[in-house]
Amino acid sequence: QVQLVESGGGLVQPGGSLRLSCAASGSIFSRNAMGWYRQAPGKKRELVAAITSGGSPNYADSVKGRFTISRDNAKNTVYLQMNSLKPEDTAVYYCNAVGWESRTGWGQGTQVTVSS
């Protein structure tokens, strides 16, 4: 059974920064690309950043240049550094193994609110 535990969210002013963490249990972490997803109220969940098992990142256009994804395979943890935050970044953020979402399920997520 895979467990995904996200943390690090909070309330931040526009232009501020947050660092999210996701601890993943099980063997799925080390062998797969990991992604950060977000879901804003009334919207579908979207993938905003992903990182391959070898450490190559990819980003959605909406966060490119502001967010940085990284992973520590020894700790089974993936991170999302978010800078220059905007109100439209407000959402619940989740992590998961890319392509495995229907099999792993979702963690509780972590709320990010960008507001003055």
PDB file of N, CA and C in Angstrom:
ATOM      1  N   GLN A   1       0.842  -1.187   0.000  1.00  0.00           N
ATOM      2  CA  GLN A   1       0.000   0.000   0.000  1.00  0.00           C
ATOM      3  C   GLN A   1       0.881   1.241   0.000  1.00  0.00           C
ATOM      4  N   VAL A   2       0.551   2.190  -0.850  1.00  0.00           N
ATOM      5  CA  VAL A   2       1.319   3.420  -0.966  1.00  0.00           C
ATOM      6  C   VAL A   2       0.682   4.504  -0.106  1.00  0.00           C
ATOM      7  N   GLN A   3       1.510   5.186   0.645  1.00  0.00           N
ATOM      8  CA  GLN A   3       1.040   6.344   1.402  1.00  0.00           C
ATOM      9  C   GLN A   3       1.744   7.591   0.907  1.00  0.00           C
ATOM     10  N   LEU A   4       0.983   8.653   0.754  1.00  0.00           N
ATOM     11  CA  LEU A   4       1.504   9.932   0.299  1.00  0.00           C
ATOM     12  C   LEU A   4       1.106  10.976   1.327  1.00  0.00           C
ATOM     13  N   VAL A   5       2.085  11.650   1.904  1.00  0.00           N
ATOM     14  CA  VAL A   5       1.814  12.631   2.953  1.00  0.00           C
ATOM     15  C   VAL A   5       2.427  13.958   2.550  1.00  0.00           C
ATOM     16  N   GLU A   6       1.549  14.912   2.224  1.00  0.00           N
ATOM     17  CA  GLU A   6       1.984  16.242   1.811  1.00  0.00           C
ATOM     18  C   GLU A   6       1.992  17.186   3.014  1.00  0.00           C
ATOM     19  N   SER A   7       2.926  18.141   2.989  1.00  0.00           N
ATOM     20  CA  SER A   7       2.997  19.134   4.061  1.00  0.00           C
ATOM     21  C   SER A   7       3.655  20.399   3.535  1.00  0.00           C
ATOM     22  N   GLY A   8       3.559  21.466   4.327  1.00  0.00           N
ATOM     23  CA  GLY A   8       4.252  22.698   4.000  1.00  0.00           C
ATOM     24  C   GLY A   8       3.392  23.823   3.473  1.00  0.00           C
ATOM     25  N   GLY A   9       2.109  23.567   3.284  1.00  0.00           N
ATOM     26  CA  GLY A   9       1.235  24.620   2.794  1.00  0.00           C
ATOM     27  C   GLY A   9       0.968  25.679   3.849  1.00  0.00           C
ATOM     28  N   GLY A  10       0.235  26.715   3.441  1.00  0.00           N
ATOM     29  CA  GLY A  10      -0.105  27.774   4.379  1.00  0.00           C
ATOM     30  C   GLY A  10      -0.634  28.986   3.658  1.00  0.00           C
ATOM     31  N   LEU A  11      -0.744  30.066   4.418  1.00  0.00           N
ATOM     32  CA  LEU A  11      -1.206  31.349   3.889  1.00  0.00           C
ATOM     33  C   LEU A  11       0.005  32.236   3.643  1.00  0.00           C
ATOM     34  N   VAL A  12       0.097  32.777   2.444  1.00  0.00           N
ATOM     35  CA  VAL A  12       1.239  33.609   2.095  1.00  0.00           C
ATOM     36  C   VAL A  12       0.754  34.778   1.247  1.00  0.00           C
ATOM     37  N   GLN A  13       1.432  35.896   1.349  1.00  0.00           N
ATOM     38  CA  GLN A  13       1.078  37.061   0.552  1.00  0.00           C
ATOM     39  C   GLN A  13       1.572  36.910  -0.884  1.00  0.00           C
ATOM     40  N   PRO A  14       0.937  37.576  -1.819  1.00  0.00           N
ATOM     41  CA  PRO A  14       1.437  37.553  -3.202  1.00  0.00           C
ATOM     42  C   PRO A  14       2.910  37.949  -3.253  1.00  0.00           C
ATOM     43  N   GLY A  15       3.679  37.214  -4.059  1.00  0.00           N
ATOM     44  CA  GLY A  15       5.106  37.441  -4.142  1.00  0.00           C
ATOM     45  C   GLY A  15       5.918  36.624  -3.159  1.00  0.00           C
ATOM     46  N   GLY A  16       5.240  35.962  -2.229  1.00  0.00           N
ATOM     47  CA  GLY A  16       5.920  35.174  -1.222  1.00  0.00           C
ATOM     48  C   GLY A  16       6.326  33.793  -1.707  1.00  0.00           C
ATOM     49  N   SER A  17       6.876  33.004  -0.779  1.00  0.00           N
ATOM     50  CA  SER A  17       7.397  31.675  -1.112  1.00  0.00           C
ATOM     51  C   SER A  17       6.919  30.645  -0.113  1.00  0.00           C
ATOM     52  N   LEU A  18       6.826  29.421  -0.581  1.00  0.00           N
ATOM     53  CA  LEU A  18       6.542  28.271   0.261  1.00  0.00           C
ATOM     54  C   LEU A  18       7.317  27.075  -0.284  1.00  0.00           C
ATOM     55  N   ARG A  19       7.619  26.147   0.595  1.00  0.00           N
ATOM     56  CA  ARG A  19       8.245  24.896   0.175  1.00  0.00           C
ATOM     57  C   ARG A  19       7.381  23.731   0.639  1.00  0.00           C
ATOM     58  N   LEU A  20       6.894  22.973  -0.311  1.00  0.00           N
ATOM     59  CA  LEU A  20       6.071  21.810  -0.008  1.00  0.00           C
ATOM     60  C   LEU A  20       6.933  20.552   0.012  1.00  0.00           C
ATOM     61  N   SER A  21       6.519  19.611   0.857  1.00  0.00           N
ATOM     62  CA  SER A  21       7.195  18.313   0.927  1.00  0.00           C
ATOM     63  C   SER A  21       6.173  17.206   0.786  1.00  0.00           C
ATOM     64  N   CYS A  22       6.612  16.102   0.215  1.00  0.00           N
ATOM     65  CA  CYS A  22       5.755  14.926   0.090  1.00  0.00           C
ATOM     66  C   CYS A  22       6.583  13.698   0.414  1.00  0.00           C
ATOM     67  N   ALA A  23       6.181  13.008   1.467  1.00  0.00           N
ATOM     68  CA  ALA A  23       6.826  11.753   1.844  1.00  0.00           C
ATOM     69  C   ALA A  23       6.003  10.602   1.288  1.00  0.00           C
ATOM     70  N   ALA A  24       6.663   9.741   0.541  1.00  0.00           N
ATOM     71  CA  ALA A  24       5.980   8.617  -0.098  1.00  0.00           C
ATOM     72  C   ALA A  24       6.521   7.307   0.432  1.00  0.00           C
ATOM     73  N   SER A  25       5.630   6.423   0.796  1.00  0.00           N
ATOM     74  CA  SER A  25       6.047   5.104   1.239  1.00  0.00           C
ATOM     75  C   SER A  25       5.917   4.117   0.088  1.00  0.00           C
ATOM     76  N   GLY A  26       6.568   3.006   0.221  1.00  0.00           N
ATOM     77  CA  GLY A  26       6.448   1.983  -0.797  1.00  0.00           C
ATOM     78  C   GLY A  26       7.486   2.110  -1.893  1.00  0.00           C
ATOM     79  N   SER A  27       7.592   1.081  -2.682  1.00  0.00           N
ATOM     80  CA  SER A  27       8.631   1.016  -3.701  1.00  0.00           C
ATOM     81  C   SER A  27       8.327   1.877  -4.915  1.00  0.00           C
ATOM     82  N   ILE A  28       7.120   2.423  -4.996  1.00  0.00           N
ATOM     83  CA  ILE A  28       6.739   3.167  -6.182  1.00  0.00           C
ATOM     84  C   ILE A  28       7.573   4.423  -6.357  1.00  0.00           C
ATOM     85  N   PHE A  29       8.082   4.973  -5.272  1.00  0.00           N
ATOM     86  CA  PHE A  29       8.769   6.251  -5.366  1.00  0.00           C
ATOM     87  C   PHE A  29      10.029   6.163  -6.212  1.00  0.00           C
ATOM     88  N   SER A  30      10.918   5.284  -5.866  1.00  0.00           N
ATOM     89  CA  SER A  30      12.250   5.288  -6.469  1.00  0.00           C
ATOM     90  C   SER A  30      12.234   4.937  -7.959  1.00  0.00           C
ATOM     91  N   ARG A  31      11.211   4.230  -8.413  1.00  0.00           N
ATOM     92  CA  ARG A  31      11.208   3.760  -9.798  1.00  0.00           C
ATOM     93  C   ARG A  31      10.435   4.643 -10.754  1.00  0.00           C
ATOM     94  N   ASN A  32       9.725   5.623 -10.228  1.00  0.00           N
ATOM     95  CA  ASN A  32       8.804   6.384 -11.058  1.00  0.00           C
ATOM     96  C   ASN A  32       9.014   7.882 -11.012  1.00  0.00           C
ATOM     97  N   ALA A  33       8.539   8.522 -12.071  1.00  0.00           N
ATOM     98  CA  ALA A  33       8.456   9.970 -12.034  1.00  0.00           C
ATOM     99  C   ALA A  33       7.431  10.362 -10.974  1.00  0.00           C
ATOM    100  N   MET A  34       7.714  11.432 -10.269  1.00  0.00           N
ATOM    101  CA  MET A  34       6.806  11.950  -9.257  1.00  0.00           C
ATOM    102  C   MET A  34       6.316  13.325  -9.687  1.00  0.00           C
ATOM    103  N   GLY A  35       5.093  13.624  -9.343  1.00  0.00           N
ATOM    104  CA  GLY A  35       4.518  14.895  -9.753  1.00  0.00           C
ATOM    105  C   GLY A  35       3.842  15.627  -8.620  1.00  0.00           C
ATOM    106  N   TRP A  36       3.765  16.939  -8.761  1.00  0.00           N
ATOM    107  CA  TRP A  36       2.946  17.772  -7.900  1.00  0.00           C
ATOM    108  C   TRP A  36       1.729  18.229  -8.712  1.00  0.00           C
ATOM    109  N   TYR A  37       0.580  18.072  -8.122  1.00  0.00           N
ATOM    110  CA  TYR A  37      -0.679  18.435  -8.746  1.00  0.00           C
ATOM    111  C   TYR A  37      -1.375  19.466  -7.858  1.00  0.00           C
ATOM    112  N   ARG A  38      -2.310  20.181  -8.428  1.00  0.00           N
ATOM    113  CA  ARG A  38      -3.094  21.090  -7.605  1.00  0.00           C
ATOM    114  C   ARG A  38      -4.529  21.119  -8.099  1.00  0.00           C
ATOM    115  N   GLN A  39      -5.418  21.405  -7.165  1.00  0.00           N
ATOM    116  CA  GLN A  39      -6.830  21.518  -7.489  1.00  0.00           C
ATOM    117  C   GLN A  39      -7.408  22.728  -6.795  1.00  0.00           C
ATOM    118  N   ALA A  40      -7.821  23.696  -7.592  1.00  0.00           N
ATOM    119  CA  ALA A  40      -8.463  24.896  -7.078  1.00  0.00           C
ATOM    120  C   ALA A  40      -9.967  24.650  -7.001  1.00  0.00           C
ATOM    121  N   PRO A  41     -10.671  25.400  -6.159  1.00  0.00           N
ATOM    122  CA  PRO A  41     -12.117  25.218  -6.033  1.00  0.00           C
ATOM    123  C   PRO A  41     -12.827  25.322  -7.374  1.00  0.00           C
ATOM    124  N   GLY A  42     -13.646  24.326  -7.688  1.00  0.00           N
ATOM    125  CA  GLY A  42     -14.410  24.343  -8.923  1.00  0.00           C
ATOM    126  C   GLY A  42     -13.637  23.974 -10.168  1.00  0.00           C
ATOM    127  N   LYS A  43     -12.374  23.583  -9.992  1.00  0.00           N
ATOM    128  CA  LYS A  43     -11.550  23.252 -11.158  1.00  0.00           C
ATOM    129  C   LYS A  43     -11.052  21.818 -11.054  1.00  0.00           C
ATOM    130  N   LYS A  44     -10.624  21.275 -12.184  1.00  0.00           N
ATOM    131  CA  LYS A  44     -10.069  19.937 -12.212  1.00  0.00           C
ATOM    132  C   LYS A  44      -8.650  19.942 -11.645  1.00  0.00           C
ATOM    133  N   ARG A  45      -8.243  18.802 -11.128  1.00  0.00           N
ATOM    134  CA  ARG A  45      -6.868  18.672 -10.651  1.00  0.00           C
ATOM    135  C   ARG A  45      -5.932  18.714 -11.858  1.00  0.00           C
ATOM    136  N   GLU A  46      -4.819  19.445 -11.723  1.00  0.00           N
ATOM    137  CA  GLU A  46      -3.875  19.590 -12.810  1.00  0.00           C
ATOM    138  C   GLU A  46      -2.464  19.285 -12.322  1.00  0.00           C
ATOM    139  N   LEU A  47      -1.667  18.749 -13.238  1.00  0.00           N
ATOM    140  CA  LEU A  47      -0.263  18.482 -12.952  1.00  0.00           C
ATOM    141  C   LEU A  47       0.531  19.758 -13.197  1.00  0.00           C
ATOM    142  N   VAL A  48       1.274  20.225 -12.202  1.00  0.00           N
ATOM    143  CA  VAL A  48       2.017  21.472 -12.370  1.00  0.00           C
ATOM    144  C   VAL A  48       3.516  21.245 -12.491  1.00  0.00           C
ATOM    145  N   ALA A  49       4.024  20.158 -11.956  1.00  0.00           N
ATOM    146  CA  ALA A  49       5.454  19.888 -12.049  1.00  0.00           C
ATOM    147  C   ALA A  49       5.682  18.387 -11.884  1.00  0.00           C
ATOM    148  N   ALA A  50       6.686  17.889 -12.583  1.00  0.00           N
ATOM    149  CA  ALA A  50       7.025  16.472 -12.480  1.00  0.00           C
ATOM    150  C   ALA A  50       8.535  16.321 -12.554  1.00  0.00           C
ATOM    151  N   ILE A  51       9.026  15.239 -11.980  1.00  0.00           N
ATOM    152  CA  ILE A  51      10.449  14.977 -12.004  1.00  0.00           C
ATOM    153  C   ILE A  51      10.662  13.479 -12.212  1.00  0.00           C
ATOM    154  N   THR A  52      11.528  13.136 -13.154  1.00  0.00           N
ATOM    155  CA  THR A  52      11.777  11.734 -13.441  1.00  0.00           C
ATOM    156  C   THR A  52      12.578  11.083 -12.310  1.00  0.00           C
ATOM    157  N   SER A  53      12.671   9.773 -12.356  1.00  0.00           N
ATOM    158  CA  SER A  53      13.457   9.074 -11.333  1.00  0.00           C
ATOM    159  C   SER A  53      14.918   9.505 -11.375  1.00  0.00           C
ATOM    160  N   GLY A  54      15.366   9.964 -12.535  1.00  0.00           N
ATOM    161  CA  GLY A  54      16.737  10.437 -12.679  1.00  0.00           C
ATOM    162  C   GLY A  54      16.935  11.902 -12.358  1.00  0.00           C
ATOM    163  N   GLY A  55      15.828  12.607 -12.081  1.00  0.00           N
ATOM    164  CA  GLY A  55      15.951  13.992 -11.641  1.00  0.00           C
ATOM    165  C   GLY A  55      15.682  15.053 -12.690  1.00  0.00           C
ATOM    166  N   SER A  56      15.157  14.687 -13.845  1.00  0.00           N
ATOM    167  CA  SER A  56      14.836  15.689 -14.868  1.00  0.00           C
ATOM    168  C   SER A  56      13.449  16.266 -14.629  1.00  0.00           C
ATOM    169  N   PRO A  57      13.351  17.602 -14.526  1.00  0.00           N
ATOM    170  CA  PRO A  57      12.069  18.221 -14.219  1.00  0.00           C
ATOM    171  C   PRO A  57      11.311  18.696 -15.458  1.00  0.00           C
ATOM    172  N   ASN A  58      10.017  18.820 -15.297  1.00  0.00           N
ATOM    173  CA  ASN A  58       9.157  19.453 -16.290  1.00  0.00           C
ATOM    174  C   ASN A  58       8.101  20.257 -15.559  1.00  0.00           C
ATOM    175  N   TYR A  59       7.665  21.355 -16.176  1.00  0.00           N
ATOM    176  CA  TYR A  59       6.736  22.266 -15.518  1.00  0.00           C
ATOM    177  C   TYR A  59       5.610  22.677 -16.458  1.00  0.00           C
ATOM    178  N   ALA A  60       4.465  22.917 -15.866  1.00  0.00           N
ATOM    179  CA  ALA A  60       3.390  23.549 -16.607  1.00  0.00           C
ATOM    180  C   ALA A  60       3.786  24.991 -16.897  1.00  0.00           C
ATOM    181  N   ASP A  61       3.287  25.520 -17.999  1.00  0.00           N
ATOM    182  CA  ASP A  61       3.642  26.887 -18.373  1.00  0.00           C
ATOM    183  C   ASP A  61       3.273  27.894 -17.282  1.00  0.00           C
ATOM    184  N   SER A  62       2.210  27.615 -16.561  1.00  0.00           N
ATOM    185  CA  SER A  62       1.725  28.558 -15.558  1.00  0.00           C
ATOM    186  C   SER A  62       2.673  28.725 -14.377  1.00  0.00           C
ATOM    187  N   VAL A  63       3.579  27.780 -14.173  1.00  0.00           N
ATOM    188  CA  VAL A  63       4.478  27.862 -13.017  1.00  0.00           C
ATOM    189  C   VAL A  63       5.954  27.905 -13.424  1.00  0.00           C
ATOM    190  N   LYS A  64       6.207  27.787 -14.709  1.00  0.00           N
ATOM    191  CA  LYS A  64       7.596  27.740 -15.176  1.00  0.00           C
ATOM    192  C   LYS A  64       8.328  29.014 -14.779  1.00  0.00           C
ATOM    193  N   GLY A  65       9.515  28.859 -14.234  1.00  0.00           N
ATOM    194  CA  GLY A  65      10.311  29.998 -13.810  1.00  0.00           C
ATOM    195  C   GLY A  65      10.040  30.434 -12.388  1.00  0.00           C
ATOM    196  N   ARG A  66       8.980  29.905 -11.780  1.00  0.00           N
ATOM    197  CA  ARG A  66       8.632  30.278 -10.401  1.00  0.00           C
ATOM    198  C   ARG A  66       8.712  29.088  -9.442  1.00  0.00           C
ATOM    199  N   PHE A  67       8.393  27.905  -9.929  1.00  0.00           N
ATOM    200  CA  PHE A  67       8.390  26.701  -9.104  1.00  0.00           C
ATOM    201  C   PHE A  67       9.588  25.827  -9.467  1.00  0.00           C
ATOM    202  N   THR A  68      10.111  25.128  -8.466  1.00  0.00           N
ATOM    203  CA  THR A  68      11.198  24.179  -8.684  1.00  0.00           C
ATOM    204  C   THR A  68      10.878  22.877  -7.970  1.00  0.00           C
ATOM    205  N   ILE A  69      10.877  21.790  -8.722  1.00  0.00           N
ATOM    206  CA  ILE A  69      10.627  20.466  -8.146  1.00  0.00           C
ATOM    207  C   ILE A  69      11.952  19.753  -7.956  1.00  0.00           C
ATOM    208  N   SER A  70      12.070  19.023  -6.861  1.00  0.00           N
ATOM    209  CA  SER A  70      13.276  18.233  -6.594  1.00  0.00           C
ATOM    210  C   SER A  70      12.880  16.978  -5.828  1.00  0.00           C
ATOM    211  N   ARG A  71      13.809  16.054  -5.727  1.00  0.00           N
ATOM    212  CA  ARG A  71      13.514  14.814  -5.008  1.00  0.00           C
ATOM    213  C   ARG A  71      14.753  14.318  -4.294  1.00  0.00           C
ATOM    214  N   ASP A  72      14.513  13.632  -3.189  1.00  0.00           N
ATOM    215  CA  ASP A  72      15.570  12.985  -2.424  1.00  0.00           C
ATOM    216  C   ASP A  72      15.206  11.501  -2.376  1.00  0.00           C
ATOM    217  N   ASN A  73      15.833  10.711  -3.228  1.00  0.00           N
ATOM    218  CA  ASN A  73      15.461   9.303  -3.324  1.00  0.00           C
ATOM    219  C   ASN A  73      15.804   8.534  -2.045  1.00  0.00           C
ATOM    220  N   ALA A  74      16.816   8.977  -1.335  1.00  0.00           N
ATOM    221  CA  ALA A  74      17.184   8.297  -0.086  1.00  0.00           C
ATOM    222  C   ALA A  74      16.107   8.470   0.983  1.00  0.00           C
ATOM    223  N   LYS A  75      15.376   9.580   0.888  1.00  0.00           N
ATOM    224  CA  LYS A  75      14.323   9.867   1.869  1.00  0.00           C
ATOM    225  C   LYS A  75      12.921   9.612   1.330  1.00  0.00           C
ATOM    226  N   ASN A  76      12.823   9.134   0.076  1.00  0.00           N
ATOM    227  CA  ASN A  76      11.510   8.940  -0.550  1.00  0.00           C
ATOM    228  C   ASN A  76      10.651  10.195  -0.439  1.00  0.00           C
ATOM    229  N   THR A  77      11.269  11.331  -0.723  1.00  0.00           N
ATOM    230  CA  THR A  77      10.586  12.615  -0.555  1.00  0.00           C
ATOM    231  C   THR A  77      10.758  13.459  -1.811  1.00  0.00           C
ATOM    232  N   VAL A  78       9.681  14.126  -2.184  1.00  0.00           N
ATOM    233  CA  VAL A  78       9.723  15.069  -3.297  1.00  0.00           C
ATOM    234  C   VAL A  78       9.308  16.442  -2.774  1.00  0.00           C
ATOM    235  N   TYR A  79       9.939  17.475  -3.301  1.00  0.00           N
ATOM    236  CA  TYR A  79       9.735  18.837  -2.822  1.00  0.00           C
ATOM    237  C   TYR A  79       9.228  19.723  -3.954  1.00  0.00           C
ATOM    238  N   LEU A  80       8.567  20.800  -3.562  1.00  0.00           N
ATOM    239  CA  LEU A  80       8.173  21.828  -4.522  1.00  0.00           C
ATOM    240  C   LEU A  80       8.456  23.183  -3.891  1.00  0.00           C
ATOM    241  N   GLN A  81       9.473  23.845  -4.398  1.00  0.00           N
ATOM    242  CA  GLN A  81       9.784  25.219  -3.972  1.00  0.00           C
ATOM    243  C   GLN A  81       8.969  26.159  -4.841  1.00  0.00           C
ATOM    244  N   MET A  82       8.157  26.970  -4.206  1.00  0.00           N
ATOM    245  CA  MET A  82       7.272  27.889  -4.924  1.00  0.00           C
ATOM    246  C   MET A  82       7.639  29.314  -4.577  1.00  0.00           C
ATOM    247  N   ASN A  83       8.067  30.062  -5.559  1.00  0.00           N
ATOM    248  CA  ASN A  83       8.442  31.463  -5.390  1.00  0.00           C
ATOM    249  C   ASN A  83       7.507  32.349  -6.203  1.00  0.00           C
ATOM    250  N   SER A  84       7.542  33.632  -5.900  1.00  0.00           N
ATOM    251  CA  SER A  84       6.721  34.612  -6.624  1.00  0.00           C
ATOM    252  C   SER A  84       5.274  34.144  -6.735  1.00  0.00           C
ATOM    253  N   LEU A  85       4.727  33.734  -5.624  1.00  0.00           N
ATOM    254  CA  LEU A  85       3.380  33.169  -5.630  1.00  0.00           C
ATOM    255  C   LEU A  85       2.337  34.212  -6.005  1.00  0.00           C
ATOM    256  N   LYS A  86       1.308  33.746  -6.705  1.00  0.00           N
ATOM    257  CA  LYS A  86       0.226  34.587  -7.173  1.00  0.00           C
ATOM    258  C   LYS A  86      -1.100  34.083  -6.595  1.00  0.00           C
ATOM    259  N   PRO A  87      -2.088  34.938  -6.510  1.00  0.00           N
ATOM    260  CA  PRO A  87      -3.400  34.473  -6.012  1.00  0.00           C
ATOM    261  C   PRO A  87      -3.933  33.272  -6.791  1.00  0.00           C
ATOM    262  N   GLU A  88      -3.644  33.190  -8.070  1.00  0.00           N
ATOM    263  CA  GLU A  88      -4.139  32.069  -8.879  1.00  0.00           C
ATOM    264  C   GLU A  88      -3.426  30.749  -8.569  1.00  0.00           C
ATOM    265  N   ASP A  89      -2.392  30.794  -7.731  1.00  0.00           N
ATOM    266  CA  ASP A  89      -1.748  29.558  -7.274  1.00  0.00           C
ATOM    267  C   ASP A  89      -2.502  28.929  -6.096  1.00  0.00           C
ATOM    268  N   THR A  90      -3.486  29.628  -5.582  1.00  0.00           N
ATOM    269  CA  THR A  90      -4.274  29.108  -4.472  1.00  0.00           C
ATOM    270  C   THR A  90      -4.966  27.809  -4.863  1.00  0.00           C
ATOM    271  N   ALA A  91      -4.721  26.767  -4.086  1.00  0.00           N
ATOM    272  CA  ALA A  91      -5.258  25.442  -4.394  1.00  0.00           C
ATOM    273  C   ALA A  91      -4.819  24.470  -3.304  1.00  0.00           C
ATOM    274  N   VAL A  92      -5.397  23.274  -3.351  1.00  0.00           N
ATOM    275  CA  VAL A  92      -4.862  22.164  -2.561  1.00  0.00           C
ATOM    276  C   VAL A  92      -3.832  21.457  -3.434  1.00  0.00           C
ATOM    277  N   TYR A  93      -2.646  21.254  -2.889  1.00  0.00           N
ATOM    278  CA  TYR A  93      -1.550  20.644  -3.631  1.00  0.00           C
ATOM    279  C   TYR A  93      -1.369  19.190  -3.180  1.00  0.00           C
ATOM    280  N   TYR A  94      -1.192  18.315  -4.168  1.00  0.00           N
ATOM    281  CA  TYR A  94      -1.021  16.888  -3.937  1.00  0.00           C
ATOM    282  C   TYR A  94       0.216  16.400  -4.670  1.00  0.00           C
ATOM    283  N   CYS A  95       0.776  15.308  -4.187  1.00  0.00           N
ATOM    284  CA  CYS A  95       1.831  14.648  -4.953  1.00  0.00           C
ATOM    285  C   CYS A  95       1.361  13.245  -5.312  1.00  0.00           C
ATOM    286  N   ASN A  96       1.985  12.680  -6.336  1.00  0.00           N
ATOM    287  CA  ASN A  96       1.682  11.315  -6.716  1.00  0.00           C
ATOM    288  C   ASN A  96       2.718  10.824  -7.700  1.00  0.00           C
ATOM    289  N   ALA A  97       2.732   9.534  -7.915  1.00  0.00           N
ATOM    290  CA  ALA A  97       3.572   8.944  -8.945  1.00  0.00           C
ATOM    291  C   ALA A  97       2.862   9.130 -10.278  1.00  0.00           C
ATOM    292  N   VAL A  98       3.537   9.748 -11.211  1.00  0.00           N
ATOM    293  CA  VAL A  98       2.921  10.068 -12.487  1.00  0.00           C
ATOM    294  C   VAL A  98       2.532   8.780 -13.230  1.00  0.00           C
ATOM    295  N   GLY A  99       1.265   8.708 -13.629  1.00  0.00           N
ATOM    296  CA  GLY A  99       0.763   7.539 -14.331  1.00  0.00           C
ATOM    297  C   GLY A  99       0.207   6.453 -13.442  1.00  0.00           C
ATOM    298  N   TRP A 100       0.371   6.609 -12.139  1.00  0.00           N
ATOM    299  CA  TRP A 100      -0.081   5.617 -11.178  1.00  0.00           C
ATOM    300  C   TRP A 100      -1.239   6.109 -10.322  1.00  0.00           C
ATOM    301  N   GLU A 101      -1.771   7.273 -10.627  1.00  0.00           N
ATOM    302  CA  GLU A 101      -2.719   7.932  -9.745  1.00  0.00           C
ATOM    303  C   GLU A 101      -3.947   7.073  -9.427  1.00  0.00           C
ATOM    304  N   SER A 102      -4.457   6.380 -10.438  1.00  0.00           N
ATOM    305  CA  SER A 102      -5.670   5.586 -10.215  1.00  0.00           C
ATOM    306  C   SER A 102      -5.394   4.379  -9.332  1.00  0.00           C
ATOM    307  N   ARG A 103      -4.152   3.986  -9.239  1.00  0.00           N
ATOM    308  CA  ARG A 103      -3.816   2.819  -8.426  1.00  0.00           C
ATOM    309  C   ARG A 103      -3.354   3.190  -7.026  1.00  0.00           C
ATOM    310  N   THR A 104      -2.727   4.347  -6.885  1.00  0.00           N
ATOM    311  CA  THR A 104      -2.224   4.730  -5.571  1.00  0.00           C
ATOM    312  C   THR A 104      -3.251   5.480  -4.734  1.00  0.00           C
ATOM    313  N   GLY A 105      -4.207   6.129  -5.406  1.00  0.00           N
ATOM    314  CA  GLY A 105      -5.093   7.017  -4.669  1.00  0.00           C
ATOM    315  C   GLY A 105      -4.358   8.313  -4.360  1.00  0.00           C
ATOM    316  N   TRP A 106      -4.969   9.139  -3.549  1.00  0.00           N
ATOM    317  CA  TRP A 106      -4.435  10.460  -3.224  1.00  0.00           C
ATOM    318  C   TRP A 106      -4.287  10.642  -1.725  1.00  0.00           C
ATOM    319  N   GLY A 107      -3.287  11.420  -1.344  1.00  0.00           N
ATOM    320  CA  GLY A 107      -3.141  11.807   0.044  1.00  0.00           C
ATOM    321  C   GLY A 107      -4.131  12.908   0.403  1.00  0.00           C
ATOM    322  N   GLN A 108      -3.927  13.490   1.577  1.00  0.00           N
ATOM    323  CA  GLN A 108      -4.869  14.528   2.028  1.00  0.00           C
ATOM    324  C   GLN A 108      -4.589  15.881   1.386  1.00  0.00           C
ATOM    325  N   GLY A 109      -3.429  16.027   0.795  1.00  0.00           N
ATOM    326  CA  GLY A 109      -3.062  17.301   0.185  1.00  0.00           C
ATOM    327  C   GLY A 109      -2.675  18.335   1.230  1.00  0.00           C
ATOM    328  N   THR A 110      -2.171  19.457   0.744  1.00  0.00           N
ATOM    329  CA  THR A 110      -1.825  20.576   1.619  1.00  0.00           C
ATOM    330  C   THR A 110      -2.332  21.857   0.979  1.00  0.00           C
ATOM    331  N   GLN A 111      -3.023  22.669   1.774  1.00  0.00           N
ATOM    332  CA  GLN A 111      -3.664  23.878   1.259  1.00  0.00           C
ATOM    333  C   GLN A 111      -2.647  25.003   1.124  1.00  0.00           C
ATOM    334  N   VAL A 112      -2.636  25.618  -0.038  1.00  0.00           N
ATOM    335  CA  VAL A 112      -1.839  26.820  -0.280  1.00  0.00           C
ATOM    336  C   VAL A 112      -2.804  27.945  -0.606  1.00  0.00           C
ATOM    337  N   THR A 113      -2.722  29.014   0.169  1.00  0.00           N
ATOM    338  CA  THR A 113      -3.572  30.179  -0.046  1.00  0.00           C
ATOM    339  C   THR A 113      -2.690  31.404  -0.224  1.00  0.00           C
ATOM    340  N   VAL A 114      -2.847  32.065  -1.354  1.00  0.00           N
ATOM    341  CA  VAL A 114      -2.070  33.262  -1.654  1.00  0.00           C
ATOM    342  C   VAL A 114      -3.024  34.454  -1.638  1.00  0.00           C
ATOM    343  N   SER A 115      -2.866  35.274  -0.633  1.00  0.00           N
ATOM    344  CA  SER A 115      -3.802  36.380  -0.461  1.00  0.00           C
ATOM    345  C   SER A 115      -3.166  37.472   0.389  1.00  0.00           C
ATOM    346  N   SER A 116      -3.542  38.708   0.092  1.00  0.00           N
ATOM    347  CA  SER A 116      -3.072  39.816   0.908  1.00  0.00           C
ATOM    348  C   SER A 116      -4.082  40.152   1.993  1.00  0.00           C
TER     349      SER A 116
END
